[in-house]
Amino acid sequence: MLIIRLIFVFLVITVLVTFGLYLLQGDKKYLVFLKKALKFGLAFLMLVGLMFVVRRILYV
């Protein structure tokens, strides 16, 4: 559970820093990286959710 929280915190920090860099410099590469980071975060969230569901089903 600690690893999941750490990854979430690092993802939030990454998104905030990347968005701040985009606002300061206006370069589109930061938006592309931001989209990739958000896709990774969403995929990770879905994977963790699926693991919790499978655990609840198999634990009975």
C-alpha atoms as a PDB file:
ATOM      1  CA  MET A   1       0.000   0.000   0.000  1.00  0.00           C
ATOM      2  CA  LEU A   2       2.909   2.307   0.729  1.00  0.00           C
ATOM      3  CA  ILE A   3       4.308   1.839  -2.773  1.00  0.00           C
ATOM      4  CA  ILE A   4       0.952   2.739  -4.321  1.00  0.00           C
ATOM      5  CA  ARG A   5       0.828   5.946  -2.281  1.00  0.00           C
ATOM      6  CA  LEU A   6       4.398   6.850  -3.193  1.00  0.00           C
ATOM      7  CA  ILE A   7       3.736   6.340  -6.897  1.00  0.00           C
ATOM      8  CA  PHE A   8       0.610   8.494  -6.608  1.00  0.00           C
ATOM      9  CA  VAL A   9       2.541  11.267  -4.839  1.00  0.00           C
ATOM     10  CA  PHE A  10       5.318  11.171  -7.443  1.00  0.00           C
ATOM     11  CA  LEU A  11       2.720  11.280 -10.215  1.00  0.00           C
ATOM     12  CA  VAL A  12       1.035  14.336  -8.696  1.00  0.00           C
ATOM     13  CA  ILE A  13       4.398  16.080  -8.290  1.00  0.00           C
ATOM     14  CA  THR A  14       5.318  15.229 -11.881  1.00  0.00           C
ATOM     15  CA  VAL A  15       2.033  16.597 -13.209  1.00  0.00           C
ATOM     16  CA  LEU A  16       2.324  19.825 -11.225  1.00  0.00           C
ATOM     17  CA  VAL A  17       5.940  20.459 -12.215  1.00  0.00           C
ATOM     18  CA  THR A  18       5.276  19.643 -15.869  1.00  0.00           C
ATOM     19  CA  PHE A  19       2.232  21.903 -15.982  1.00  0.00           C
ATOM     20  CA  GLY A  20       4.208  24.677 -14.282  1.00  0.00           C
ATOM     21  CA  LEU A  21       6.978  24.338 -16.859  1.00  0.00           C
ATOM     22  CA  TYR A  22       4.400  24.505 -19.626  1.00  0.00           C
ATOM     23  CA  LEU A  23       2.926  27.688 -18.171  1.00  0.00           C
ATOM     24  CA  LEU A  24       6.358  29.281 -17.771  1.00  0.00           C
ATOM     25  CA  GLN A  25       7.889  28.296 -21.094  1.00  0.00           C
ATOM     26  CA  GLY A  26       4.872  27.590 -23.309  1.00  0.00           C
ATOM     27  CA  ASP A  27       6.545  24.621 -25.007  1.00  0.00           C
ATOM     28  CA  LYS A  28       4.205  21.885 -26.273  1.00  0.00           C
ATOM     29  CA  LYS A  29       6.588  19.082 -25.322  1.00  0.00           C
ATOM     30  CA  TYR A  30       5.552  19.545 -21.702  1.00  0.00           C
ATOM     31  CA  LEU A  31       1.912  18.976 -22.612  1.00  0.00           C
ATOM     32  CA  VAL A  32       2.847  15.805 -24.481  1.00  0.00           C
ATOM     33  CA  PHE A  33       4.750  14.541 -21.433  1.00  0.00           C
ATOM     34  CA  LEU A  34       1.839  15.558 -19.196  1.00  0.00           C
ATOM     35  CA  LYS A  35      -0.569  13.488 -21.307  1.00  0.00           C
ATOM     36  CA  LYS A  36       1.783  10.491 -21.148  1.00  0.00           C
ATOM     37  CA  ALA A  37       2.111  10.806 -17.371  1.00  0.00           C
ATOM     38  CA  LEU A  38      -1.664  11.013 -16.962  1.00  0.00           C
ATOM     39  CA  LYS A  39      -2.128   7.960 -19.205  1.00  0.00           C
ATOM     40  CA  PHE A  40       0.371   6.048 -17.078  1.00  0.00           C
ATOM     41  CA  GLY A  41      -1.428   7.150 -13.918  1.00  0.00           C
ATOM     42  CA  LEU A  42      -4.795   6.073 -15.257  1.00  0.00           C
ATOM     43  CA  ALA A  43      -3.455   2.708 -16.402  1.00  0.00           C
ATOM     44  CA  PHE A  44      -1.791   2.170 -13.026  1.00  0.00           C
ATOM     45  CA  LEU A  45      -4.989   3.100 -11.207  1.00  0.00           C
ATOM     46  CA  MET A  46      -6.996   0.642 -13.313  1.00  0.00           C
ATOM     47  CA  LEU A  47      -4.441  -2.111 -12.703  1.00  0.00           C
ATOM     48  CA  VAL A  48      -4.452  -1.558  -8.945  1.00  0.00           C
ATOM     49  CA  GLY A  49      -8.265  -1.460  -8.914  1.00  0.00           C
ATOM     50  CA  LEU A  50      -8.420  -4.698 -10.874  1.00  0.00           C
ATOM     51  CA  MET A  51      -5.993  -6.326  -8.446  1.00  0.00           C
ATOM     52  CA  PHE A  52      -8.161  -5.282  -5.484  1.00  0.00           C
ATOM     53  CA  VAL A  53     -11.297  -6.662  -7.166  1.00  0.00           C
ATOM     54  CA  VAL A  54      -9.615  -9.967  -7.979  1.00  0.00           C
ATOM     55  CA  ARG A  55      -8.298 -10.199  -4.433  1.00  0.00           C
ATOM     56  CA  ARG A  56     -11.791  -9.640  -3.003  1.00  0.00           C
ATOM     57  CA  ILE A  57     -13.305 -12.235  -5.338  1.00  0.00           C
ATOM     58  CA  LEU A  58     -10.696 -14.907  -4.669  1.00  0.00           C
ATOM     59  CA  TYR A  59     -10.389 -14.270  -0.932  1.00  0.00           C
ATOM     60  CA  VAL A  60     -13.950 -15.403  -0.054  1.00  0.00           C
END
